């Protein structure tokens, strides 16, 4: 059990070696800092944490899918392009969800 957690944490750390995942880690840190500045409520923190987890998870899975596709073939393929586009679309959906959530929270603090 300890080895599985160790491997999983290693995977999170290896994510910093990928620009897109590292970017999400940085944006997550910025969101946490903004949360402290805005004095978020408990429910707002839950929303922020869930969104951070959702986006980072999607980005890690997208990177894995891209690597698997490249392992299968580095030649251009419409089928592989579709797979990669779908995976990127999942990241976009997660990111848009996080952005809209952030805007709702931000506007409630600015307007309230």
N, C-alpha and C. Protein backbone atom coordinates (compact mmCIF):
# COMPACT_ATOMS: atom_id res chain seq x y z
N UNK A 1 0.83 -1.18 0.00
CA UNK A 1 0.00 0.00 0.00
C UNK A 1 0.88 1.26 0.00
N UNK A 2 1.92 1.24 0.82
CA UNK A 2 2.83 2.39 0.90
C UNK A 2 3.48 2.64 -0.46
N UNK A 3 3.86 1.58 -1.17
CA UNK A 3 4.49 1.70 -2.48
C UNK A 3 3.55 2.36 -3.48
N UNK A 4 2.26 2.00 -3.43
CA UNK A 4 1.29 2.57 -4.36
C UNK A 4 1.16 4.08 -4.15
N UNK A 5 1.10 4.51 -2.89
CA UNK A 5 1.03 5.94 -2.61
C UNK A 5 2.32 6.64 -3.03
N UNK A 6 3.42 5.98 -2.78
CA UNK A 6 4.72 6.54 -3.17
C UNK A 6 4.78 6.74 -4.69
N UNK A 7 4.34 5.73 -5.43
CA UNK A 7 4.32 5.82 -6.89
C UNK A 7 3.39 6.94 -7.35
N UNK A 8 2.24 7.06 -6.70
CA UNK A 8 1.27 8.09 -7.08
C UNK A 8 1.84 9.49 -6.83
N UNK A 9 2.48 9.69 -5.68
CA UNK A 9 3.08 10.99 -5.40
C UNK A 9 4.24 11.28 -6.35
N UNK A 10 4.96 10.25 -6.74
CA UNK A 10 6.02 10.41 -7.74
C UNK A 10 5.41 10.89 -9.06
N UNK A 11 4.26 10.34 -9.41
CA UNK A 11 3.57 10.78 -10.62
C UNK A 11 3.19 12.25 -10.55
N UNK A 12 2.69 12.70 -9.40
CA UNK A 12 2.36 14.12 -9.24
C UNK A 12 3.60 14.99 -9.39
N UNK A 13 4.71 14.55 -8.82
CA UNK A 13 5.95 15.32 -8.92
C UNK A 13 6.49 15.32 -10.35
N UNK A 14 6.37 14.18 -11.04
CA UNK A 14 6.84 14.12 -12.43
C UNK A 14 6.03 15.04 -13.32
N UNK A 15 4.82 15.37 -12.90
CA UNK A 15 3.99 16.29 -13.66
C UNK A 15 4.64 17.65 -13.82
N UNK A 16 5.49 18.03 -12.87
CA UNK A 16 6.15 19.33 -12.96
C UNK A 16 7.12 19.38 -14.14
N UNK A 17 7.46 18.24 -14.68
CA UNK A 17 8.34 18.19 -15.85
C UNK A 17 7.60 18.42 -17.16
N UNK A 18 6.29 18.54 -17.10
CA UNK A 18 5.48 18.78 -18.29
C UNK A 18 4.88 20.18 -18.18
N UNK A 19 5.15 21.00 -19.17
CA UNK A 19 4.77 22.41 -19.14
C UNK A 19 3.28 22.61 -18.84
N UNK A 20 2.42 21.84 -19.48
CA UNK A 20 0.98 22.05 -19.29
C UNK A 20 0.54 21.70 -17.87
N UNK A 21 1.11 20.65 -17.30
CA UNK A 21 0.77 20.27 -15.93
C UNK A 21 1.36 21.28 -14.95
N UNK A 22 2.60 21.68 -15.17
CA UNK A 22 3.23 22.68 -14.31
C UNK A 22 2.42 23.98 -14.32
N UNK A 23 1.94 24.37 -15.49
CA UNK A 23 1.10 25.57 -15.59
C UNK A 23 -0.13 25.44 -14.70
N UNK A 24 -0.74 24.28 -14.70
CA UNK A 24 -1.93 24.07 -13.86
C UNK A 24 -1.58 24.12 -12.38
N UNK A 25 -0.42 23.59 -12.01
CA UNK A 25 0.03 23.68 -10.62
C UNK A 25 0.21 25.14 -10.20
N UNK A 26 0.80 25.93 -11.10
CA UNK A 26 1.03 27.35 -10.80
C UNK A 26 -0.30 28.09 -10.68
N UNK A 27 -1.22 27.82 -11.61
CA UNK A 27 -2.54 28.45 -11.54
C UNK A 27 -3.29 28.03 -10.27
N UNK A 28 -3.11 26.79 -9.86
CA UNK A 28 -3.74 26.33 -8.62
C UNK A 28 -3.19 27.08 -7.42
N UNK A 29 -1.88 27.27 -7.40
CA UNK A 29 -1.26 28.03 -6.30
C UNK A 29 -1.77 29.47 -6.28
N UNK A 30 -1.93 30.05 -7.46
CA UNK A 30 -2.46 31.41 -7.53
C UNK A 30 -3.91 31.47 -7.04
N UNK A 31 -4.69 30.44 -7.36
CA UNK A 31 -6.09 30.39 -6.91
C UNK A 31 -6.15 30.29 -5.38
N UNK A 32 -5.26 29.50 -4.81
CA UNK A 32 -5.21 29.37 -3.35
C UNK A 32 -4.83 30.71 -2.71
N UNK A 33 -3.84 31.37 -3.28
CA UNK A 33 -3.44 32.69 -2.76
C UNK A 33 -4.61 33.67 -2.85
N UNK A 34 -5.30 33.69 -3.98
CA UNK A 34 -6.46 34.56 -4.14
C UNK A 34 -7.55 34.22 -3.12
N UNK A 35 -7.69 32.94 -2.83
CA UNK A 35 -8.67 32.52 -1.83
C UNK A 35 -8.38 33.08 -0.46
N UNK A 36 -7.10 33.12 -0.10
CA UNK A 36 -6.73 33.70 1.20
C UNK A 36 -6.99 35.21 1.21
N UNK A 37 -6.67 35.86 0.10
CA UNK A 37 -6.88 37.31 0.02
C UNK A 37 -8.37 37.65 0.11
N UNK A 38 -9.20 36.84 -0.54
CA UNK A 38 -10.64 37.09 -0.55
C UNK A 38 -11.37 36.57 0.69
N UNK A 39 -10.65 35.86 1.56
CA UNK A 39 -11.25 35.27 2.77
C UNK A 39 -12.47 34.41 2.40
N UNK A 40 -12.22 33.40 1.58
CA UNK A 40 -13.30 32.54 1.11
C UNK A 40 -14.01 31.83 2.26
N UNK A 41 -15.28 31.57 2.04
CA UNK A 41 -16.04 30.76 3.00
C UNK A 41 -15.66 29.30 2.82
N UNK A 42 -16.11 28.46 3.72
CA UNK A 42 -15.81 27.02 3.63
C UNK A 42 -16.33 26.45 2.32
N UNK A 43 -17.56 26.78 1.96
CA UNK A 43 -18.12 26.24 0.71
C UNK A 43 -17.38 26.77 -0.51
N UNK A 44 -16.94 28.01 -0.48
CA UNK A 44 -16.15 28.54 -1.59
C UNK A 44 -14.82 27.81 -1.69
N UNK A 45 -14.19 27.52 -0.55
CA UNK A 45 -12.94 26.74 -0.56
C UNK A 45 -13.18 25.35 -1.15
N UNK A 46 -14.28 24.73 -0.79
CA UNK A 46 -14.59 23.40 -1.34
C UNK A 46 -14.69 23.48 -2.85
N UNK A 47 -15.39 24.50 -3.36
CA UNK A 47 -15.52 24.66 -4.81
C UNK A 47 -14.17 24.86 -5.47
N UNK A 48 -13.32 25.69 -4.87
CA UNK A 48 -11.99 25.95 -5.44
C UNK A 48 -11.15 24.67 -5.44
N UNK A 49 -11.17 23.95 -4.33
CA UNK A 49 -10.37 22.71 -4.23
C UNK A 49 -10.85 21.67 -5.22
N UNK A 50 -12.17 21.52 -5.37
CA UNK A 50 -12.71 20.55 -6.33
C UNK A 50 -12.31 20.95 -7.76
N UNK A 51 -12.40 22.23 -8.07
CA UNK A 51 -12.01 22.69 -9.41
C UNK A 51 -10.53 22.47 -9.67
N UNK A 52 -9.69 22.76 -8.69
CA UNK A 52 -8.26 22.52 -8.84
C UNK A 52 -8.00 21.04 -9.11
N UNK A 53 -8.61 20.19 -8.32
CA UNK A 53 -8.43 18.74 -8.52
C UNK A 53 -8.92 18.28 -9.88
N UNK A 54 -10.06 18.82 -10.30
CA UNK A 54 -10.63 18.46 -11.59
C UNK A 54 -9.71 18.84 -12.74
N UNK A 55 -9.20 20.06 -12.72
CA UNK A 55 -8.35 20.53 -13.82
C UNK A 55 -7.01 19.80 -13.83
N UNK A 56 -6.39 19.64 -12.68
CA UNK A 56 -5.09 18.95 -12.64
C UNK A 56 -5.25 17.50 -13.07
N UNK A 57 -6.30 16.84 -12.61
CA UNK A 57 -6.55 15.46 -13.02
C UNK A 57 -6.74 15.37 -14.53
N UNK A 58 -7.55 16.26 -15.08
CA UNK A 58 -7.78 16.25 -16.54
C UNK A 58 -6.48 16.48 -17.29
N UNK A 59 -5.66 17.40 -16.81
CA UNK A 59 -4.39 17.70 -17.49
C UNK A 59 -3.43 16.52 -17.42
N UNK A 60 -3.35 15.86 -16.28
CA UNK A 60 -2.48 14.69 -16.16
C UNK A 60 -2.96 13.57 -17.09
N UNK A 61 -4.27 13.32 -17.10
CA UNK A 61 -4.81 12.28 -17.99
C UNK A 61 -4.59 12.64 -19.46
N UNK A 62 -4.75 13.91 -19.80
CA UNK A 62 -4.51 14.35 -21.17
C UNK A 62 -3.06 14.08 -21.56
N UNK A 63 -2.15 14.41 -20.68
CA UNK A 63 -0.72 14.16 -20.96
C UNK A 63 -0.46 12.67 -21.13
N UNK A 64 -1.07 11.85 -20.29
CA UNK A 64 -0.90 10.39 -20.41
C UNK A 64 -1.44 9.89 -21.75
N UNK A 65 -2.61 10.37 -22.14
CA UNK A 65 -3.20 9.95 -23.41
C UNK A 65 -2.31 10.36 -24.58
N UNK A 66 -1.79 11.58 -24.54
CA UNK A 66 -0.89 12.03 -25.60
C UNK A 66 0.36 11.15 -25.67
N UNK A 67 0.92 10.84 -24.51
CA UNK A 67 2.13 9.99 -24.48
C UNK A 67 1.83 8.58 -25.02
N UNK A 68 0.68 8.03 -24.64
CA UNK A 68 0.31 6.71 -25.15
C UNK A 68 0.12 6.73 -26.66
N UNK A 69 -0.53 7.77 -27.16
CA UNK A 69 -0.71 7.89 -28.61
C UNK A 69 0.62 7.99 -29.32
N UNK A 70 1.54 8.79 -28.76
CA UNK A 70 2.86 8.93 -29.37
C UNK A 70 3.66 7.64 -29.29
N UNK A 71 3.43 6.87 -28.25
CA UNK A 71 4.10 5.58 -28.11
C UNK A 71 3.60 4.61 -29.20
N UNK A 72 2.32 4.71 -29.49
CA UNK A 72 1.71 3.85 -30.52
C UNK A 72 2.23 4.22 -31.90
N UNK A 73 2.26 5.54 -32.20
CA UNK A 73 2.74 5.98 -33.50
C UNK A 73 3.05 7.47 -33.46
N UNK A 74 4.19 7.82 -34.07
CA UNK A 74 4.53 9.24 -34.19
C UNK A 74 4.12 9.78 -35.56
N UNK A 75 3.66 8.90 -36.42
CA UNK A 75 3.16 9.33 -37.73
C UNK A 75 1.79 9.97 -37.56
N UNK A 76 1.47 10.92 -38.46
CA UNK A 76 0.17 11.57 -38.37
C UNK A 76 -0.93 10.56 -38.65
N UNK A 77 -1.97 10.63 -37.82
CA UNK A 77 -3.13 9.75 -37.98
C UNK A 77 -4.37 10.54 -37.57
N UNK A 78 -5.38 10.49 -38.42
CA UNK A 78 -6.64 11.16 -38.08
C UNK A 78 -7.26 10.57 -36.82
N UNK A 79 -7.12 9.28 -36.64
CA UNK A 79 -7.69 8.64 -35.44
C UNK A 79 -6.97 9.10 -34.18
N UNK A 80 -5.65 9.17 -34.24
CA UNK A 80 -4.88 9.65 -33.07
C UNK A 80 -5.17 11.13 -32.84
N UNK A 81 -5.29 11.91 -33.89
CA UNK A 81 -5.62 13.34 -33.75
C UNK A 81 -6.95 13.50 -33.03
N UNK A 82 -7.94 12.67 -33.39
CA UNK A 82 -9.25 12.75 -32.74
C UNK A 82 -9.15 12.40 -31.25
N UNK A 83 -8.38 11.37 -30.94
CA UNK A 83 -8.18 10.98 -29.54
C UNK A 83 -7.54 12.12 -28.75
N UNK A 84 -6.49 12.70 -29.32
CA UNK A 84 -5.81 13.81 -28.64
C UNK A 84 -6.72 15.03 -28.50
N UNK A 85 -7.52 15.31 -29.53
CA UNK A 85 -8.44 16.43 -29.46
C UNK A 85 -9.50 16.21 -28.39
N UNK A 86 -10.00 14.99 -28.27
CA UNK A 86 -10.99 14.69 -27.23
C UNK A 86 -10.39 14.87 -25.84
N UNK A 87 -9.16 14.40 -25.66
CA UNK A 87 -8.50 14.55 -24.36
C UNK A 87 -8.26 16.02 -24.05
N UNK A 88 -7.86 16.79 -25.04
CA UNK A 88 -7.67 18.23 -24.85
C UNK A 88 -9.00 18.91 -24.56
N UNK A 89 -10.06 18.43 -25.19
CA UNK A 89 -11.40 18.97 -24.92
C UNK A 89 -11.82 18.74 -23.49
N UNK A 90 -11.43 17.62 -22.92
CA UNK A 90 -11.73 17.34 -21.51
C UNK A 90 -11.04 18.35 -20.60
N UNK A 91 -9.81 18.69 -20.93
CA UNK A 91 -9.09 19.71 -20.15
C UNK A 91 -9.78 21.06 -20.29
N UNK A 92 -10.19 21.38 -21.50
CA UNK A 92 -10.88 22.65 -21.72
C UNK A 92 -12.19 22.69 -20.93
N UNK A 93 -12.95 21.61 -20.94
CA UNK A 93 -14.21 21.57 -20.19
C UNK A 93 -13.95 21.77 -18.69
N UNK A 94 -12.94 21.10 -18.17
CA UNK A 94 -12.60 21.25 -16.75
C UNK A 94 -12.14 22.67 -16.46
N UNK A 95 -11.33 23.23 -17.35
CA UNK A 95 -10.81 24.59 -17.16
C UNK A 95 -11.93 25.63 -17.22
N UNK A 96 -12.85 25.46 -18.15
CA UNK A 96 -13.98 26.39 -18.23
C UNK A 96 -14.86 26.31 -16.98
N UNK A 97 -15.05 25.10 -16.48
CA UNK A 97 -15.81 24.93 -15.24
C UNK A 97 -15.12 25.66 -14.10
N UNK A 98 -13.81 25.51 -14.00
CA UNK A 98 -13.06 26.18 -12.94
C UNK A 98 -13.11 27.69 -13.12
N UNK A 99 -12.99 28.17 -14.34
CA UNK A 99 -13.02 29.61 -14.60
C UNK A 99 -14.38 30.20 -14.23
N UNK A 100 -15.45 29.55 -14.64
CA UNK A 100 -16.79 30.06 -14.31
C UNK A 100 -17.01 30.05 -12.80
N UNK A 101 -16.56 29.00 -12.14
CA UNK A 101 -16.66 28.94 -10.68
C UNK A 101 -15.89 30.08 -10.05
N UNK A 102 -14.69 30.35 -10.54
CA UNK A 102 -13.87 31.44 -10.01
C UNK A 102 -14.56 32.79 -10.22
N UNK A 103 -15.17 32.97 -11.38
CA UNK A 103 -15.86 34.24 -11.66
C UNK A 103 -17.06 34.43 -10.72
N UNK A 104 -17.81 33.37 -10.49
CA UNK A 104 -18.96 33.45 -9.57
C UNK A 104 -18.48 33.85 -8.18
N UNK A 105 -17.43 33.20 -7.72
CA UNK A 105 -16.88 33.51 -6.38
C UNK A 105 -16.35 34.93 -6.35
N UNK A 106 -15.58 35.32 -7.36
CA UNK A 106 -14.99 36.66 -7.40
C UNK A 106 -16.09 37.74 -7.41
N UNK A 107 -17.07 37.58 -8.28
CA UNK A 107 -18.14 38.58 -8.37
C UNK A 107 -18.95 38.66 -7.09
N UNK A 108 -19.09 37.55 -6.38
CA UNK A 108 -19.83 37.60 -5.12
C UNK A 108 -19.06 38.40 -4.07
N UNK A 109 -17.73 38.42 -4.18
CA UNK A 109 -16.91 39.19 -3.24
C UNK A 109 -16.79 40.66 -3.64
N UNK A 110 -16.79 40.90 -4.92
CA UNK A 110 -16.70 42.28 -5.40
C UNK A 110 -18.04 42.99 -5.22
N UNK A 111 -19.11 42.30 -5.58
CA UNK A 111 -20.44 42.91 -5.50
C UNK A 111 -21.06 42.87 -4.13
N UNK A 112 -20.55 42.01 -3.25
CA UNK A 112 -21.17 41.81 -1.94
C UNK A 112 -20.48 42.56 -0.91
